[in-house]
PDB file of N, CA and C in Angstrom:
ATOM      1  N   UNK A   1     -18.915  -8.574   6.909  1.00  0.00           N
ATOM      2  CA  UNK A   1     -18.331  -7.981   7.524  1.00  0.00           C
ATOM      3  C   UNK A   1     -17.214  -7.902   8.030  1.00  0.00           C
ATOM      4  N   UNK A   2     -16.243  -7.062   7.958  1.00  0.00           N
ATOM      5  CA  UNK A   2     -14.765  -7.809   8.887  1.00  0.00           C
ATOM      6  C   UNK A   2     -14.598  -7.495   9.704  1.00  0.00           C
ATOM      7  N   UNK A   3     -13.859  -8.644  10.656  1.00  0.00           N
ATOM      8  CA  UNK A   3     -13.630  -8.318  11.991  1.00  0.00           C
ATOM      9  C   UNK A   3     -11.809  -8.832  11.921  1.00  0.00           C
ATOM     10  N   UNK A   4     -11.543  -7.828  12.842  1.00  0.00           N
ATOM     11  CA  UNK A   4     -10.223  -7.716  13.709  1.00  0.00           C
ATOM     12  C   UNK A   4     -10.436  -8.281  14.900  1.00  0.00           C
ATOM     13  N   UNK A   5      -8.902  -8.276  15.421  1.00  0.00           N
ATOM     14  CA  UNK A   5      -8.791  -8.505  16.548  1.00  0.00           C
ATOM     15  C   UNK A   5      -7.520  -7.819  16.965  1.00  0.00           C
ATOM     16  N   UNK A   6      -7.727  -7.410  18.780  1.00  0.00           N
ATOM     17  CA  UNK A   6      -7.004  -6.449  19.135  1.00  0.00           C
ATOM     18  C   UNK A   6      -5.749  -6.791  20.138  1.00  0.00           C
ATOM     19  N   UNK A   7      -5.162  -7.198  20.890  1.00  0.00           N
ATOM     20  CA  UNK A   7      -4.622  -7.760  21.578  1.00  0.00           C
ATOM     21  C   UNK A   7      -3.256  -6.684  22.415  1.00  0.00           C
ATOM     22  N   UNK A   8      -3.705  -6.636  23.664  1.00  0.00           N
ATOM     23  CA  UNK A   8      -3.005  -5.582  24.396  1.00  0.00           C
ATOM     24  C   UNK A   8      -2.029  -6.420  25.486  1.00  0.00           C
ATOM     25  N   UNK A   9      -0.794  -6.796  25.261  1.00  0.00           N
ATOM     26  CA  UNK A   9      -0.128  -7.201  26.531  1.00  0.00           C
ATOM     27  C   UNK A   9       0.499  -5.953  27.688  1.00  0.00           C
ATOM     28  N   UNK A  10       0.064  -6.422  28.576  1.00  0.00           N
ATOM     29  CA  UNK A  10       0.970  -5.771  29.567  1.00  0.00           C
ATOM     30  C   UNK A  10       1.134  -6.432  30.906  1.00  0.00           C
ATOM     31  N   UNK A  11       1.816  -5.694  31.559  1.00  0.00           N
ATOM     32  CA  UNK A  11       2.581  -6.179  32.629  1.00  0.00           C
ATOM     33  C   UNK A  11       1.544  -7.231  33.275  1.00  0.00           C
ATOM     34  N   UNK A  12       0.148  -6.496  33.968  1.00  0.00           N
ATOM     35  CA  UNK A  12      -0.706  -7.238  34.395  1.00  0.00           C
ATOM     36  C   UNK A  12      -1.658  -8.068  33.797  1.00  0.00           C
ATOM     37  N   UNK A  13      -2.006  -8.096  32.994  1.00  0.00           N
ATOM     38  CA  UNK A  13      -3.107  -8.247  31.892  1.00  0.00           C
ATOM     39  C   UNK A  13      -2.626  -8.784  30.635  1.00  0.00           C
ATOM     40  N   UNK A  14      -3.000  -8.819  30.337  1.00  0.00           N
ATOM     41  CA  UNK A  14      -3.815  -9.172  28.161  1.00  0.00           C
ATOM     42  C   UNK A  14      -4.815  -9.828  28.533  1.00  0.00           C
ATOM     43  N   UNK A  15      -5.459  -8.298  27.580  1.00  0.00           N
ATOM     44  CA  UNK A  15      -6.826  -7.650  26.751  1.00  0.00           C
ATOM     45  C   UNK A  15      -6.684  -8.187  25.759  1.00  0.00           C
ATOM     46  N   UNK A  16      -8.135  -8.613  25.405  1.00  0.00           N
ATOM     47  CA  UNK A  16      -8.402  -9.056  23.490  1.00  0.00           C
ATOM     48  C   UNK A  16      -9.155  -8.221  23.250  1.00  0.00           C
ATOM     49  N   UNK A  17      -9.663  -8.104  22.004  1.00  0.00           N
ATOM     50  CA  UNK A  17     -11.258  -7.647  21.499  1.00  0.00           C
ATOM     51  C   UNK A  17     -11.334  -7.729  20.248  1.00  0.00           C
ATOM     52  N   UNK A  18     -12.567  -7.999  19.847  1.00  0.00           N
ATOM     53  CA  UNK A  18     -12.864  -8.113  18.070  1.00  0.00           C
ATOM     54  C   UNK A  18     -13.571  -6.918  17.882  1.00  0.00           C
ATOM     55  N   UNK A  19     -13.070  -5.943  16.664  1.00  0.00           N
ATOM     56  CA  UNK A  19     -13.847  -5.054  16.459  1.00  0.00           C
ATOM     57  C   UNK A  19     -14.308  -5.026  14.678  1.00  0.00           C
ATOM     58  N   UNK A  20     -14.999  -4.606  14.321  1.00  0.00           N
ATOM     59  CA  UNK A  20     -15.693  -4.528  12.965  1.00  0.00           C
ATOM     60  C   UNK A  20     -14.887  -3.269  12.083  1.00  0.00           C
ATOM     61  N   UNK A  21     -15.114  -2.870  11.218  1.00  0.00           N
ATOM     62  CA  UNK A  21     -14.878  -2.346  10.209  1.00  0.00           C
ATOM     63  C   UNK A  21     -15.156  -0.709  10.334  1.00  0.00           C
ATOM     64  N   UNK A  22     -16.018  -0.981  11.664  1.00  0.00           N
ATOM     65  CA  UNK A  22     -16.346   0.464  11.840  1.00  0.00           C
ATOM     66  C   UNK A  22     -16.121   0.863  13.106  1.00  0.00           C
ATOM     67  N   UNK A  23     -15.099   0.056  13.646  1.00  0.00           N
ATOM     68  CA  UNK A  23     -14.348   0.302  15.060  1.00  0.00           C
ATOM     69  C   UNK A  23     -15.204  -0.019  16.602  1.00  0.00           C
ATOM     70  N   UNK A  24     -16.757  -0.754  15.981  1.00  0.00           N
ATOM     71  CA  UNK A  24     -17.504  -1.250  17.071  1.00  0.00           C
ATOM     72  C   UNK A  24     -16.933  -2.543  17.421  1.00  0.00           C
ATOM     73  N   UNK A  25     -16.542  -2.424  18.916  1.00  0.00           N
ATOM     74  CA  UNK A  25     -16.243  -3.103  19.757  1.00  0.00           C
ATOM     75  C   UNK A  25     -17.182  -4.547  20.047  1.00  0.00           C
ATOM     76  N   UNK A  26     -17.122  -5.592  19.817  1.00  0.00           N
ATOM     77  CA  UNK A  26     -17.830  -6.652  19.729  1.00  0.00           C
ATOM     78  C   UNK A  26     -17.817  -7.516  20.571  1.00  0.00           C
ATOM     79  N   UNK A  27     -16.583  -8.055  21.125  1.00  0.00           N
ATOM     80  CA  UNK A  27     -16.132  -8.877  22.310  1.00  0.00           C
ATOM     81  C   UNK A  27     -14.939  -8.344  22.987  1.00  0.00           C
ATOM     82  N   UNK A  28     -14.995  -8.467  24.355  1.00  0.00           N
ATOM     83  CA  UNK A  28     -13.734  -7.945  24.736  1.00  0.00           C
ATOM     84  C   UNK A  28     -13.465  -9.237  25.952  1.00  0.00           C
ATOM     85  N   UNK A  29     -12.199  -9.928  26.016  1.00  0.00           N
ATOM     86  CA  UNK A  29     -11.728 -10.575  27.003  1.00  0.00           C
ATOM     87  C   UNK A  29     -10.320 -10.364  27.566  1.00  0.00           C
ATOM     88  N   UNK A  30      -9.711 -10.655  28.670  1.00  0.00           N
ATOM     89  CA  UNK A  30      -8.768 -10.419  29.588  1.00  0.00           C
ATOM     90  C   UNK A  30      -8.652 -11.626  29.996  1.00  0.00           C
ATOM     91  N   UNK A  31      -7.489 -11.540  30.619  1.00  0.00           N
ATOM     92  CA  UNK A  31      -6.494 -12.573  31.215  1.00  0.00           C
ATOM     93  C   UNK A  31      -5.419 -12.212  32.040  1.00  0.00           C
ATOM     94  N   UNK A  32      -5.166 -12.869  33.364  1.00  0.00           N
ATOM     95  CA  UNK A  32      -3.918 -12.365  33.534  1.00  0.00           C
ATOM     96  C   UNK A  32      -2.390 -12.421  33.400  1.00  0.00           C
ATOM     97  N   UNK A  33      -1.438 -11.420  33.224  1.00  0.00           N
ATOM     98  CA  UNK A  33      -0.199 -11.803  32.347  1.00  0.00           C
ATOM     99  C   UNK A  33       1.011 -11.922  33.040  1.00  0.00           C
ATOM    100  N   UNK A  34       1.840 -13.686  32.817  1.00  0.00           N
ATOM    101  CA  UNK A  34       1.997 -13.870  33.194  1.00  0.00           C
ATOM    102  C   UNK A  34       3.451 -13.297  32.990  1.00  0.00           C
ATOM    103  N   UNK A  35       3.645 -11.694  32.955  1.00  0.00           N
ATOM    104  CA  UNK A  35       4.927 -10.137  32.880  1.00  0.00           C
ATOM    105  C   UNK A  35       6.116 -10.974  32.168  1.00  0.00           C
ATOM    106  N   UNK A  36       7.101 -11.919  32.854  1.00  0.00           N
ATOM    107  CA  UNK A  36       8.048 -12.354  32.513  1.00  0.00           C
ATOM    108  C   UNK A  36       8.554 -13.450  31.701  1.00  0.00           C
ATOM    109  N   UNK A  37       7.667 -14.048  31.424  1.00  0.00           N
ATOM    110  CA  UNK A  37       7.153 -15.340  31.110  1.00  0.00           C
ATOM    111  C   UNK A  37       6.937 -16.030  29.635  1.00  0.00           C
ATOM    112  N   UNK A  38       8.261 -15.249  28.585  1.00  0.00           N
ATOM    113  CA  UNK A  38       7.582 -15.007  27.339  1.00  0.00           C
ATOM    114  C   UNK A  38       6.706 -16.155  26.501  1.00  0.00           C
ATOM    115  N   UNK A  39       7.044 -17.382  26.811  1.00  0.00           N
ATOM    116  CA  UNK A  39       6.291 -18.690  26.265  1.00  0.00           C
ATOM    117  C   UNK A  39       4.838 -18.859  26.570  1.00  0.00           C
ATOM    118  N   UNK A  40       4.691 -18.438  28.195  1.00  0.00           N
ATOM    119  CA  UNK A  40       3.190 -18.223  28.892  1.00  0.00           C
ATOM    120  C   UNK A  40       2.346 -17.135  28.169  1.00  0.00           C
ATOM    121  N   UNK A  41       3.612 -15.466  27.640  1.00  0.00           N
ATOM    122  CA  UNK A  41       2.734 -14.847  27.261  1.00  0.00           C
ATOM    123  C   UNK A  41       2.273 -15.219  25.946  1.00  0.00           C
ATOM    124  N   UNK A  42       3.100 -15.486  24.913  1.00  0.00           N
ATOM    125  CA  UNK A  42       2.725 -16.015  23.410  1.00  0.00           C
ATOM    126  C   UNK A  42       1.693 -17.232  24.142  1.00  0.00           C
ATOM    127  N   UNK A  43       1.435 -17.881  24.808  1.00  0.00           N
ATOM    128  CA  UNK A  43       0.420 -18.790  24.973  1.00  0.00           C
ATOM    129  C   UNK A  43      -0.587 -18.483  24.992  1.00  0.00           C
ATOM    130  N   UNK A  44      -1.065 -17.686  26.174  1.00  0.00           N
ATOM    131  CA  UNK A  44      -1.781 -16.600  26.753  1.00  0.00           C
ATOM    132  C   UNK A  44      -2.822 -16.012  25.874  1.00  0.00           C
ATOM    133  N   UNK A  45      -1.559 -14.995  24.575  1.00  0.00           N
ATOM    134  CA  UNK A  45      -2.099 -14.509  23.273  1.00  0.00           C
ATOM    135  C   UNK A  45      -2.711 -15.880  22.250  1.00  0.00           C
ATOM    136  N   UNK A  46      -2.719 -16.817  22.315  1.00  0.00           N
ATOM    137  CA  UNK A  46      -2.875 -17.796  21.492  1.00  0.00           C
ATOM    138  C   UNK A  46      -4.286 -17.972  22.118  1.00  0.00           C
ATOM    139  N   UNK A  47      -4.216 -18.564  23.199  1.00  0.00           N
ATOM    140  CA  UNK A  47      -5.358 -18.901  23.848  1.00  0.00           C
ATOM    141  C   UNK A  47      -6.796 -17.718  23.327  1.00  0.00           C
ATOM    142  N   UNK A  48      -6.203 -16.608  23.852  1.00  0.00           N
ATOM    143  CA  UNK A  48      -7.366 -15.509  23.567  1.00  0.00           C
ATOM    144  C   UNK A  48      -7.771 -15.208  22.186  1.00  0.00           C
ATOM    145  N   UNK A  49      -6.936 -15.016  21.000  1.00  0.00           N
ATOM    146  CA  UNK A  49      -7.352 -15.177  20.063  1.00  0.00           C
ATOM    147  C   UNK A  49      -8.182 -16.324  19.172  1.00  0.00           C
ATOM    148  N   UNK A  50      -7.788 -17.809  19.564  1.00  0.00           N
ATOM    149  CA  UNK A  50      -8.129 -18.765  19.510  1.00  0.00           C
ATOM    150  C   UNK A  50      -9.481 -18.742  20.182  1.00  0.00           C
ATOM    151  N   UNK A  51     -10.035 -18.291  21.699  1.00  0.00           N
ATOM    152  CA  UNK A  51     -11.727 -18.689  21.404  1.00  0.00           C
ATOM    153  C   UNK A  51     -12.243 -17.317  21.136  1.00  0.00           C
ATOM    154  N   UNK A  52     -11.739 -16.602  21.149  1.00  0.00           N
ATOM    155  CA  UNK A  52     -12.585 -15.103  20.374  1.00  0.00           C
ATOM    156  C   UNK A  52     -12.871 -16.001  18.797  1.00  0.00           C
ATOM    157  N   UNK A  53     -11.762 -16.362  17.811  1.00  0.00           N
ATOM    158  CA  UNK A  53     -12.250 -16.807  16.769  1.00  0.00           C
ATOM    159  C   UNK A  53     -13.359 -18.132  16.380  1.00  0.00           C
ATOM    160  N   UNK A  54     -13.401 -18.480  17.964  1.00  0.00           N
ATOM    161  CA  UNK A  54     -14.333 -19.762  18.304  1.00  0.00           C
ATOM    162  C   UNK A  54     -15.679 -18.741  17.604  1.00  0.00           C
ATOM    163  N   UNK A  55     -16.182 -17.737  18.070  1.00  0.00           N
ATOM    164  CA  UNK A  55     -17.498 -16.976  17.736  1.00  0.00           C
ATOM    165  C   UNK A  55     -17.376 -16.185  17.176  1.00  0.00           C
ATOM    166  N   UNK A  56     -15.932 -15.422  16.602  1.00  0.00           N
ATOM    167  CA  UNK A  56     -16.130 -14.253  15.460  1.00  0.00           C
ATOM    168  C   UNK A  56     -15.310 -14.658  14.226  1.00  0.00           C
ATOM    169  N   UNK A  57     -15.373 -14.422  13.176  1.00  0.00           N
ATOM    170  CA  UNK A  57     -15.220 -14.711  11.508  1.00  0.00           C
ATOM    171  C   UNK A  57     -13.508 -13.566  11.387  1.00  0.00           C
ATOM    172  N   UNK A  58     -12.700 -13.749  12.198  1.00  0.00           N
ATOM    173  CA  UNK A  58     -11.373 -12.963  12.437  1.00  0.00           C
ATOM    174  C   UNK A  58     -10.749 -12.995  11.288  1.00  0.00           C
ATOM    175  N   UNK A  59     -10.445 -11.281  10.841  1.00  0.00           N
ATOM    176  CA  UNK A  59      -9.800 -12.057   9.428  1.00  0.00           C
ATOM    177  C   UNK A  59      -8.391 -11.455   9.897  1.00  0.00           C
ATOM    178  N   UNK A  60      -7.808 -10.757  10.920  1.00  0.00           N
ATOM    179  CA  UNK A  60      -6.716 -10.142  11.174  1.00  0.00           C
ATOM    180  C   UNK A  60      -6.131  -9.892  12.587  1.00  0.00           C
ATOM    181  N   UNK A  61      -5.134  -9.788  13.379  1.00  0.00           N
ATOM    182  CA  UNK A  61      -5.451  -9.924  14.550  1.00  0.00           C
ATOM    183  C   UNK A  61      -3.982  -8.932  14.779  1.00  0.00           C
ATOM    184  N   UNK A  62      -4.022  -7.377  15.468  1.00  0.00           N
ATOM    185  CA  UNK A  62      -2.682  -6.775  15.766  1.00  0.00           C
ATOM    186  C   UNK A  62      -2.520  -7.206  17.133  1.00  0.00           C
ATOM    187  N   UNK A  63      -1.255  -6.807  17.398  1.00  0.00           N
ATOM    188  CA  UNK A  63      -1.151  -7.324  19.249  1.00  0.00           C
ATOM    189  C   UNK A  63       0.149  -6.111  19.524  1.00  0.00           C
ATOM    190  N   UNK A  64      -0.009  -5.388  20.432  1.00  0.00           N
ATOM    191  CA  UNK A  64       0.392  -4.302  20.937  1.00  0.00           C
ATOM    192  C   UNK A  64       1.163  -4.199  22.445  1.00  0.00           C
ATOM    193  N   UNK A  65       2.625  -4.136  22.543  1.00  0.00           N
ATOM    194  CA  UNK A  65       2.789  -3.584  23.880  1.00  0.00           C
ATOM    195  C   UNK A  65       3.555  -2.846  24.032  1.00  0.00           C
ATOM    196  N   UNK A  66       4.489  -2.032  25.150  1.00  0.00           N
ATOM    197  CA  UNK A  66       4.551  -1.500  25.012  1.00  0.00           C
ATOM    198  C   UNK A  66       6.306  -1.378  25.098  1.00  0.00           C
ATOM    199  N   UNK A  67       6.953  -0.237  23.916  1.00  0.00           N
ATOM    200  CA  UNK A  67       7.629  -0.917  22.851  1.00  0.00           C
ATOM    201  C   UNK A  67       7.519  -1.553  21.596  1.00  0.00           C
ATOM    202  N   UNK A  68       6.714  -2.341  21.060  1.00  0.00           N
ATOM    203  CA  UNK A  68       6.566  -3.741  20.845  1.00  0.00           C
ATOM    204  C   UNK A  68       4.968  -3.353  19.973  1.00  0.00           C
ATOM    205  N   UNK A  69       5.280  -4.259  18.578  1.00  0.00           N
ATOM    206  CA  UNK A  69       4.073  -4.331  18.379  1.00  0.00           C
ATOM    207  C   UNK A  69       3.772  -5.482  17.463  1.00  0.00           C
ATOM    208  N   UNK A  70       3.255  -6.289  17.193  1.00  0.00           N
ATOM    209  CA  UNK A  70       2.893  -7.733  16.248  1.00  0.00           C
ATOM    210  C   UNK A  70       1.910  -7.494  15.615  1.00  0.00           C
ATOM    211  N   UNK A  71       1.997  -7.853  14.438  1.00  0.00           N
ATOM    212  CA  UNK A  71       0.368  -7.751  13.589  1.00  0.00           C
ATOM    213  C   UNK A  71       0.035  -9.143  12.892  1.00  0.00           C
ATOM    214  N   UNK A  72      -0.428  -9.588  13.421  1.00  0.00           N
ATOM    215  CA  UNK A  72      -0.798 -11.058  12.786  1.00  0.00           C
ATOM    216  C   UNK A  72      -1.811 -10.936  11.620  1.00  0.00           C
ATOM    217  N   UNK A  73      -1.667 -11.624  10.028  1.00  0.00           N
ATOM    218  CA  UNK A  73      -2.436 -11.595   8.948  1.00  0.00           C
ATOM    219  C   UNK A  73      -2.836 -13.381   8.777  1.00  0.00           C
ATOM    220  N   UNK A  74      -3.725 -13.353   8.066  1.00  0.00           N
ATOM    221  CA  UNK A  74      -4.564 -14.528   7.769  1.00  0.00           C
ATOM    222  C   UNK A  74      -3.604 -15.665   7.879  1.00  0.00           C
ATOM    223  N   UNK A  75      -2.022 -15.021   7.400  1.00  0.00           N
ATOM    224  CA  UNK A  75      -1.045 -16.496   6.710  1.00  0.00           C
ATOM    225  C   UNK A  75       0.765 -16.505   7.350  1.00  0.00           C
ATOM    226  N   UNK A  76       0.809 -14.606   7.257  1.00  0.00           N
ATOM    227  CA  UNK A  76       1.897 -14.212   7.502  1.00  0.00           C
ATOM    228  C   UNK A  76       2.205 -13.109   9.035  1.00  0.00           C
ATOM    229  N   UNK A  77       2.960 -13.592   9.529  1.00  0.00           N
ATOM    230  CA  UNK A  77       3.546 -13.106  10.785  1.00  0.00           C
ATOM    231  C   UNK A  77       4.280 -12.031  10.669  1.00  0.00           C
ATOM    232  N   UNK A  78       4.250 -10.971  10.896  1.00  0.00           N
ATOM    233  CA  UNK A  78       5.225  -9.816  10.745  1.00  0.00           C
ATOM    234  C   UNK A  78       5.442  -9.260  12.579  1.00  0.00           C
ATOM    235  N   UNK A  79       6.559  -9.375  12.458  1.00  0.00           N
ATOM    236  CA  UNK A  79       7.323  -8.735  14.056  1.00  0.00           C
ATOM    237  C   UNK A  79       7.936  -7.090  13.948  1.00  0.00           C
ATOM    238  N   UNK A  80       7.150  -6.107  15.066  1.00  0.00           N
ATOM    239  CA  UNK A  80       8.367  -5.254  14.706  1.00  0.00           C
ATOM    240  C   UNK A  80       8.428  -4.629  16.278  1.00  0.00           C
ATOM    241  N   UNK A  81       9.762  -4.255  16.399  1.00  0.00           N
ATOM    242  CA  UNK A  81      10.161  -3.966  17.470  1.00  0.00           C
ATOM    243  C   UNK A  81      11.246  -3.593  17.147  1.00  0.00           C
ATOM    244  N   UNK A  82      12.179  -2.665  18.595  1.00  0.00           N
ATOM    245  CA  UNK A  82      13.314  -1.409  18.108  1.00  0.00           C
ATOM    246  C   UNK A  82      14.254  -2.008  18.041  1.00  0.00           C
ATOM    247  N   UNK A  83      14.423  -3.311  17.806  1.00  0.00           N
ATOM    248  CA  UNK A  83      15.101  -4.151  17.192  1.00  0.00           C
ATOM    249  C   UNK A  83      14.826  -4.905  16.240  1.00  0.00           C
ATOM    250  N   UNK A  84      14.265  -5.730  15.903  1.00  0.00           N
ATOM    251  CA  UNK A  84      13.559  -7.178  15.067  1.00  0.00           C
ATOM    252  C   UNK A  84      12.813  -6.436  14.450  1.00  0.00           C
ATOM    253  N   UNK A  85      13.194  -7.199  13.191  1.00  0.00           N
ATOM    254  CA  UNK A  85      11.696  -6.904  12.169  1.00  0.00           C
ATOM    255  C   UNK A  85      11.888  -8.598  11.075  1.00  0.00           C
ATOM    256  N   UNK A  86      11.135  -9.312  11.288  1.00  0.00           N
ATOM    257  CA  UNK A  86      11.491 -10.419  10.363  1.00  0.00           C
ATOM    258  C   UNK A  86       9.479 -11.103  10.318  1.00  0.00           C
ATOM    259  N   UNK A  87       9.224 -11.810   8.668  1.00  0.00           N
ATOM    260  CA  UNK A  87       8.441 -12.303   8.548  1.00  0.00           C
ATOM    261  C   UNK A  87       8.401 -14.004   8.973  1.00  0.00           C
ATOM    262  N   UNK A  88       7.142 -14.773   8.899  1.00  0.00           N
ATOM    263  CA  UNK A  88       7.191 -16.022   9.078  1.00  0.00           C
ATOM    264  C   UNK A  88       5.656 -16.221   8.502  1.00  0.00           C
ATOM    265  N   UNK A  89       5.303 -18.088   8.680  1.00  0.00           N
ATOM    266  CA  UNK A  89       4.056 -18.360   8.588  1.00  0.00           C
ATOM    267  C   UNK A  89       3.811 -19.122  10.087  1.00  0.00           C
ATOM    268  N   UNK A  90       2.103 -18.119   9.840  1.00  0.00           N
ATOM    269  CA  UNK A  90       1.666 -19.384  10.946  1.00  0.00           C
ATOM    270  C   UNK A  90       0.712 -20.739  10.478  1.00  0.00           C
ATOM    271  N   UNK A  91       1.503 -21.690  11.198  1.00  0.00           N
ATOM    272  CA  UNK A  91       0.511 -22.925  11.017  1.00  0.00           C
ATOM    273  C   UNK A  91      -0.683 -23.180  11.821  1.00  0.00           C
ATOM    274  N   UNK A  92      -1.130 -23.622  11.038  1.00  0.00           N
ATOM    275  CA  UNK A  92      -2.558 -24.400  11.300  1.00  0.00           C
ATOM    276  C   UNK A  92      -3.150 -23.269  11.504  1.00  0.00           C
TER     277      UNK A  92
END
């Protein structure tokens, strides 16, 4: 079964969920959003994905936010936003 993790970054919360190839939601988590603290937002996203991946074999991660979207695949990061587009490699 192929599983993906979706992350929704908002001003008051960051929500994460795991879905299968049929779109069935297997688990959902949410944390308070640090809204204006970019490093804290990144840490919160990482914590959600890490926690979900301890219970699910996640193959891809998609992150959405108003005006921006980030897609994580197993070893590559693609960042799409109003201005920037970059690729890189995830560590560990």
